[in-house]
PDB file of N, CA and C in Angstrom:
ATOM      1  N   MET A   1     142.764  54.755 123.821  1.00  0.00           N
ATOM      2  CA  MET A   1     143.794  54.047 123.366  1.00  0.00           C
ATOM      3  C   MET A   1     143.919  52.530 122.411  1.00  0.00           C
ATOM      4  N   ALA A   2     144.517  53.039 121.540  1.00  0.00           N
ATOM      5  CA  ALA A   2     144.726  51.562 120.405  1.00  0.00           C
ATOM      6  C   ALA A   2     144.913  50.390 121.189  1.00  0.00           C
ATOM      7  N   HIS A   3     144.624  49.301 120.853  1.00  0.00           N
ATOM      8  CA  HIS A   3     144.864  47.835 121.125  1.00  0.00           C
ATOM      9  C   HIS A   3     146.477  47.572 121.235  1.00  0.00           C
ATOM     10  N   GLN A   4     147.104  48.027 119.796  1.00  0.00           N
ATOM     11  CA  GLN A   4     148.632  48.168 120.090  1.00  0.00           C
ATOM     12  C   GLN A   4     149.064  48.827 121.422  1.00  0.00           C
ATOM     13  N   ASP A   5     148.548  50.205 121.438  1.00  0.00           N
ATOM     14  CA  ASP A   5     149.023  50.855 122.334  1.00  0.00           C
ATOM     15  C   ASP A   5     149.071  50.359 123.749  1.00  0.00           C
ATOM     16  N   ARG A   6     147.674  49.825 124.083  1.00  0.00           N
ATOM     17  CA  ARG A   6     147.550  49.076 125.292  1.00  0.00           C
ATOM     18  C   ARG A   6     148.393  47.905 125.590  1.00  0.00           C
ATOM     19  N   ALA A   7     148.884  46.956 124.360  1.00  0.00           N
ATOM     20  CA  ALA A   7     149.716  45.943 124.642  1.00  0.00           C
ATOM     21  C   ALA A   7     150.658  46.632 124.969  1.00  0.00           C
ATOM     22  N   LEU A   8     151.517  47.673 124.339  1.00  0.00           N
ATOM     23  CA  LEU A   8     152.901  48.222 124.698  1.00  0.00           C
ATOM     24  C   LEU A   8     153.073  48.588 126.182  1.00  0.00           C
ATOM     25  N   ALA A   9     152.124  49.568 126.515  1.00  0.00           N
ATOM     26  CA  ALA A   9     151.982  49.880 127.837  1.00  0.00           C
ATOM     27  C   ALA A   9     152.019  48.630 128.974  1.00  0.00           C
ATOM     28  N   VAL A  10     151.152  47.734 128.505  1.00  0.00           N
ATOM     29  CA  VAL A  10     151.188  46.525 129.560  1.00  0.00           C
ATOM     30  C   VAL A  10     152.465  45.734 129.229  1.00  0.00           C
ATOM     31  N   ALA A  11     153.099  45.533 128.169  1.00  0.00           N
ATOM     32  CA  ALA A  11     154.594  45.080 128.126  1.00  0.00           C
ATOM     33  C   ALA A  11     155.417  45.783 128.809  1.00  0.00           C
ATOM     34  N   LEU A  12     155.587  47.214 128.739  1.00  0.00           N
ATOM     35  CA  LEU A  12     156.678  48.160 129.393  1.00  0.00           C
ATOM     36  C   LEU A  12     156.265  48.021 130.696  1.00  0.00           C
ATOM     37  N   ARG A  13     155.240  47.854 131.491  1.00  0.00           N
ATOM     38  CA  ARG A  13     155.082  47.753 132.917  1.00  0.00           C
ATOM     39  C   ARG A  13     155.503  46.671 133.515  1.00  0.00           C
ATOM     40  N   GLY A  14     155.198  45.263 132.699  1.00  0.00           N
ATOM     41  CA  GLY A  14     155.614  44.083 133.341  1.00  0.00           C
ATOM     42  C   GLY A  14     157.131  44.047 133.304  1.00  0.00           C
ATOM     43  N   ALA A  15     157.657  44.551 132.087  1.00  0.00           N
ATOM     44  CA  ALA A  15     159.121  44.573 131.949  1.00  0.00           C
ATOM     45  C   ALA A  15     159.733  45.496 133.113  1.00  0.00           C
ATOM     46  N   GLN A  16     159.121  46.379 133.384  1.00  0.00           N
ATOM     47  CA  GLN A  16     159.623  47.768 134.396  1.00  0.00           C
ATOM     48  C   GLN A  16     159.636  46.681 135.942  1.00  0.00           C
ATOM     49  N   TRP A  17     158.397  46.112 136.286  1.00  0.00           N
ATOM     50  CA  TRP A  17     158.450  45.428 137.336  1.00  0.00           C
ATOM     51  C   TRP A  17     159.186  44.132 137.455  1.00  0.00           C
ATOM     52  N   ALA A  18     159.523  43.246 136.577  1.00  0.00           N
ATOM     53  CA  ALA A  18     160.526  42.225 136.576  1.00  0.00           C
ATOM     54  C   ALA A  18     161.658  43.052 137.049  1.00  0.00           C
ATOM     55  N   LEU A  19     162.236  44.064 136.082  1.00  0.00           N
ATOM     56  CA  LEU A  19     163.485  44.506 136.221  1.00  0.00           C
ATOM     57  C   LEU A  19     163.684  45.055 137.619  1.00  0.00           C
ATOM     58  N   ASP A  20     162.959  45.721 138.201  1.00  0.00           N
ATOM     59  CA  ASP A  20     162.701  46.006 139.592  1.00  0.00           C
ATOM     60  C   ASP A  20     163.186  45.241 140.494  1.00  0.00           C
ATOM     61  N   ASP A  21     162.279  43.930 140.418  1.00  0.00           N
ATOM     62  CA  ASP A  21     162.616  42.583 141.210  1.00  0.00           C
ATOM     63  C   ASP A  21     164.071  42.068 140.836  1.00  0.00           C
ATOM     64  N   ALA A  22     164.389  42.090 139.671  1.00  0.00           N
ATOM     65  CA  ALA A  22     166.002  41.640 139.378  1.00  0.00           C
ATOM     66  C   ALA A  22     167.101  42.663 139.989  1.00  0.00           C
ATOM     67  N   ALA A  23     166.807  43.988 139.612  1.00  0.00           N
ATOM     68  CA  ALA A  23     167.429  44.851 140.408  1.00  0.00           C
ATOM     69  C   ALA A  23     167.934  44.848 141.617  1.00  0.00           C
ATOM     70  N   TYR A  24     167.023  44.427 142.596  1.00  0.00           N
ATOM     71  CA  TYR A  24     167.131  44.300 144.041  1.00  0.00           C
ATOM     72  C   TYR A  24     167.577  42.695 143.952  1.00  0.00           C
ATOM     73  N   ALA A  25     167.059  41.523 143.528  1.00  0.00           N
ATOM     74  CA  ALA A  25     167.690  40.462 144.203  1.00  0.00           C
ATOM     75  C   ALA A  25     168.906  39.910 143.341  1.00  0.00           C
ATOM     76  N   ILE A  26     169.253  40.577 142.436  1.00  0.00           N
ATOM     77  CA  ILE A  26     170.405  39.830 141.866  1.00  0.00           C
ATOM     78  C   ILE A  26     171.935  40.282 142.709  1.00  0.00           C
ATOM     79  N   PRO A  27     171.844  41.688 143.022  1.00  0.00           N
ATOM     80  CA  PRO A  27     173.173  42.054 144.069  1.00  0.00           C
ATOM     81  C   PRO A  27     173.042  40.914 145.500  1.00  0.00           C
ATOM     82  N   ASN A  28     171.665  40.639 145.939  1.00  0.00           N
ATOM     83  CA  ASN A  28     171.399  40.364 147.259  1.00  0.00           C
ATOM     84  C   ASN A  28     171.483  38.635 147.019  1.00  0.00           C
ATOM     85  N   ARG A  29     172.003  38.048 145.777  1.00  0.00           N
ATOM     86  CA  ARG A  29     171.950  36.635 145.204  1.00  0.00           C
ATOM     87  C   ARG A  29     170.892  35.837 145.595  1.00  0.00           C
ATOM     88  N   GLN A  30     169.808  36.600 145.428  1.00  0.00           N
ATOM     89  CA  GLN A  30     168.331  35.766 145.868  1.00  0.00           C
ATOM     90  C   GLN A  30     167.587  35.700 144.145  1.00  0.00           C
ATOM     91  N   TYR A  31     168.197  35.646 143.261  1.00  0.00           N
ATOM     92  CA  TYR A  31     167.868  35.344 142.055  1.00  0.00           C
ATOM     93  C   TYR A  31     167.999  34.129 141.294  1.00  0.00           C
ATOM     94  N   THR A  32     167.044  33.276 141.188  1.00  0.00           N
ATOM     95  CA  THR A  32     167.345  32.074 140.519  1.00  0.00           C
ATOM     96  C   THR A  32     167.880  31.808 138.995  1.00  0.00           C
ATOM     97  N   ALA A  33     168.116  30.819 138.564  1.00  0.00           N
ATOM     98  CA  ALA A  33     168.471  30.811 137.257  1.00  0.00           C
ATOM     99  C   ALA A  33     167.226  30.815 136.405  1.00  0.00           C
ATOM    100  N   GLN A  34     166.209  30.281 137.067  1.00  0.00           N
ATOM    101  CA  GLN A  34     164.844  30.008 136.391  1.00  0.00           C
ATOM    102  C   GLN A  34     164.128  31.326 136.209  1.00  0.00           C
ATOM    103  N   GLN A  35     164.536  32.396 137.250  1.00  0.00           N
ATOM    104  CA  GLN A  35     163.887  33.753 137.541  1.00  0.00           C
ATOM    105  C   GLN A  35     164.843  34.679 136.187  1.00  0.00           C
ATOM    106  N   CYS A  36     166.053  33.943 135.942  1.00  0.00           N
ATOM    107  CA  CYS A  36     166.692  35.027 134.830  1.00  0.00           C
ATOM    108  C   CYS A  36     166.125  34.403 133.703  1.00  0.00           C
ATOM    109  N   HIS A  37     165.841  33.353 133.393  1.00  0.00           N
ATOM    110  CA  HIS A  37     165.268  32.916 132.204  1.00  0.00           C
ATOM    111  C   HIS A  37     163.691  33.363 131.814  1.00  0.00           C
ATOM    112  N   ASP A  38     163.077  33.515 133.119  1.00  0.00           N
ATOM    113  CA  ASP A  38     161.791  34.108 132.996  1.00  0.00           C
ATOM    114  C   ASP A  38     161.598  35.779 132.492  1.00  0.00           C
ATOM    115  N   LEU A  39     162.940  36.482 133.237  1.00  0.00           N
ATOM    116  CA  LEU A  39     163.078  37.440 132.755  1.00  0.00           C
ATOM    117  C   LEU A  39     163.295  37.705 131.511  1.00  0.00           C
ATOM    118  N   ALA A  40     164.225  37.202 130.754  1.00  0.00           N
ATOM    119  CA  ALA A  40     164.819  37.236 129.441  1.00  0.00           C
ATOM    120  C   ALA A  40     163.427  36.340 128.466  1.00  0.00           C
ATOM    121  N   ASN A  41     162.586  35.891 128.955  1.00  0.00           N
ATOM    122  CA  ASN A  41     161.353  35.985 128.202  1.00  0.00           C
ATOM    123  C   ASN A  41     160.404  37.215 127.969  1.00  0.00           C
ATOM    124  N   ILE A  42     160.182  37.776 129.143  1.00  0.00           N
ATOM    125  CA  ILE A  42     159.550  39.025 129.450  1.00  0.00           C
ATOM    126  C   ILE A  42     159.960  40.083 128.409  1.00  0.00           C
ATOM    127  N   LEU A  43     161.566  40.254 128.580  1.00  0.00           N
ATOM    128  CA  LEU A  43     161.998  41.148 127.703  1.00  0.00           C
ATOM    129  C   LEU A  43     162.429  41.074 126.305  1.00  0.00           C
ATOM    130  N   GLU A  44     162.473  39.772 126.104  1.00  0.00           N
ATOM    131  CA  GLU A  44     162.096  39.152 124.487  1.00  0.00           C
ATOM    132  C   GLU A  44     160.777  39.483 123.806  1.00  0.00           C
ATOM    133  N   ASN A  45     159.700  39.460 124.930  1.00  0.00           N
ATOM    134  CA  ASN A  45     158.059  39.424 124.431  1.00  0.00           C
ATOM    135  C   ASN A  45     158.371  41.052 124.103  1.00  0.00           C
ATOM    136  N   LEU A  46     159.066  42.029 124.994  1.00  0.00           N
ATOM    137  CA  LEU A  46     158.753  43.392 124.969  1.00  0.00           C
ATOM    138  C   LEU A  46     159.706  43.755 123.829  1.00  0.00           C
ATOM    139  N   ALA A  47     160.520  43.249 123.559  1.00  0.00           N
ATOM    140  CA  ALA A  47     160.910  43.738 122.232  1.00  0.00           C
ATOM    141  C   ALA A  47     160.220  43.445 121.015  1.00  0.00           C
ATOM    142  N   GLN A  48     159.664  42.480 120.993  1.00  0.00           N
ATOM    143  CA  GLN A  48     158.345  41.760 119.673  1.00  0.00           C
ATOM    144  C   GLN A  48     157.157  42.773 119.709  1.00  0.00           C
ATOM    145  N   VAL A  49     156.843  43.658 120.873  1.00  0.00           N
ATOM    146  CA  VAL A  49     155.953  44.339 121.193  1.00  0.00           C
ATOM    147  C   VAL A  49     156.622  45.516 120.494  1.00  0.00           C
ATOM    148  N   LEU A  50     157.670  45.922 121.024  1.00  0.00           N
ATOM    149  CA  LEU A  50     158.290  47.239 120.478  1.00  0.00           C
ATOM    150  C   LEU A  50     158.543  47.571 118.912  1.00  0.00           C
ATOM    151  N   ARG A  51     158.825  46.382 118.095  1.00  0.00           N
ATOM    152  CA  ARG A  51     159.321  46.098 117.128  1.00  0.00           C
ATOM    153  C   ARG A  51     157.793  46.128 116.250  1.00  0.00           C
ATOM    154  N   ALA A  52     157.033  45.864 116.575  1.00  0.00           N
ATOM    155  CA  ALA A  52     155.705  45.841 116.148  1.00  0.00           C
ATOM    156  C   ALA A  52     154.873  46.902 116.013  1.00  0.00           C
ATOM    157  N   HIS A  53     155.166  47.526 116.974  1.00  0.00           N
ATOM    158  CA  HIS A  53     154.894  49.144 117.259  1.00  0.00           C
ATOM    159  C   HIS A  53     155.735  50.062 116.383  1.00  0.00           C
ATOM    160  N   ASP A  54     157.049  49.633 116.315  1.00  0.00           N
ATOM    161  CA  ASP A  54     157.888  50.645 115.376  1.00  0.00           C
ATOM    162  C   ASP A  54     156.962  51.196 114.056  1.00  0.00           C
ATOM    163  N   GLY A  55     157.342  52.279 114.087  1.00  0.00           N
ATOM    164  CA  GLY A  55     157.145  52.880 112.876  1.00  0.00           C
ATOM    165  C   GLY A  55     155.671  53.189 112.462  1.00  0.00           C
ATOM    166  N   GLU A  56     154.668  52.607 113.450  1.00  0.00           N
ATOM    167  CA  GLU A  56     153.392  52.833 113.563  1.00  0.00           C
ATOM    168  C   GLU A  56     152.662  54.430 113.636  1.00  0.00           C
ATOM    169  N   ARG A  57     153.418  54.959 114.216  1.00  0.00           N
ATOM    170  CA  ARG A  57     153.083  56.427 114.604  1.00  0.00           C
ATOM    171  C   ARG A  57     153.385  57.432 113.612  1.00  0.00           C
ATOM    172  N   PRO A  58     152.448  58.075 113.045  1.00  0.00           N
ATOM    173  CA  PRO A  58     152.721  59.273 112.370  1.00  0.00           C
ATOM    174  C   PRO A  58     153.745  60.349 112.725  1.00  0.00           C
ATOM    175  N   THR A  59     154.699  61.018 111.950  1.00  0.00           N
ATOM    176  CA  THR A  59     155.214  62.141 112.775  1.00  0.00           C
ATOM    177  C   THR A  59     154.374  63.236 113.179  1.00  0.00           C
ATOM    178  N   PRO A  60     154.491  63.722 114.242  1.00  0.00           N
ATOM    179  CA  PRO A  60     153.745  64.899 114.850  1.00  0.00           C
ATOM    180  C   PRO A  60     153.676  66.021 113.899  1.00  0.00           C
ATOM    181  N   THR A  61     152.510  66.642 113.937  1.00  0.00           N
ATOM    182  CA  THR A  61     152.321  67.670 113.066  1.00  0.00           C
ATOM    183  C   THR A  61     152.843  68.951 113.714  1.00  0.00           C
ATOM    184  N   ASN A  62     152.997  69.130 114.919  1.00  0.00           N
ATOM    185  CA  ASN A  62     153.130  70.257 115.970  1.00  0.00           C
ATOM    186  C   ASN A  62     154.660  70.200 116.203  1.00  0.00           C
ATOM    187  N   GLN A  63     155.538  69.651 115.684  1.00  0.00           N
ATOM    188  CA  GLN A  63     157.065  69.914 116.088  1.00  0.00           C
ATOM    189  C   GLN A  63     157.558  71.282 115.459  1.00  0.00           C
ATOM    190  N   ILE A  64     158.682  71.674 116.060  1.00  0.00           N
ATOM    191  CA  ILE A  64     159.033  72.962 115.253  1.00  0.00           C
ATOM    192  C   ILE A  64     160.173  72.297 114.158  1.00  0.00           C
ATOM    193  N   PRO A  65     160.178  72.257 113.029  1.00  0.00           N
ATOM    194  CA  PRO A  65     160.620  72.215 111.932  1.00  0.00           C
ATOM    195  C   PRO A  65     162.397  72.090 112.426  1.00  0.00           C
ATOM    196  N   THR A  66     163.226  71.457 111.713  1.00  0.00           N
ATOM    197  CA  THR A  66     164.581  71.556 111.903  1.00  0.00           C
ATOM    198  C   THR A  66     164.991  72.170 110.958  1.00  0.00           C
ATOM    199  N   ALA A  67     166.363  72.905 110.638  1.00  0.00           N
ATOM    200  CA  ALA A  67     166.982  73.379 109.517  1.00  0.00           C
ATOM    201  C   ALA A  67     168.012  72.030 108.572  1.00  0.00           C
ATOM    202  N   ALA A  68     167.265  72.093 107.411  1.00  0.00           N
ATOM    203  CA  ALA A  68     167.819  71.335 106.426  1.00  0.00           C
ATOM    204  C   ALA A  68     169.241  71.450 106.312  1.00  0.00           C
TER     205      ALA A  68
END
């Protein structure tokens, strides 16, 4: 696994865990303003990693061609 692939996987899992926590805590009014700020930072980091990863992959050659 390439370094950027690993960074993306780590960012995705981190965001997933943070979102899972938020999904439970927010409806129960157990999520602070600081936690919201921290979650926003995690999601912004994920967005940066995704943008850096965007378009990096070659088009797979094993795809079924579509009609033009």
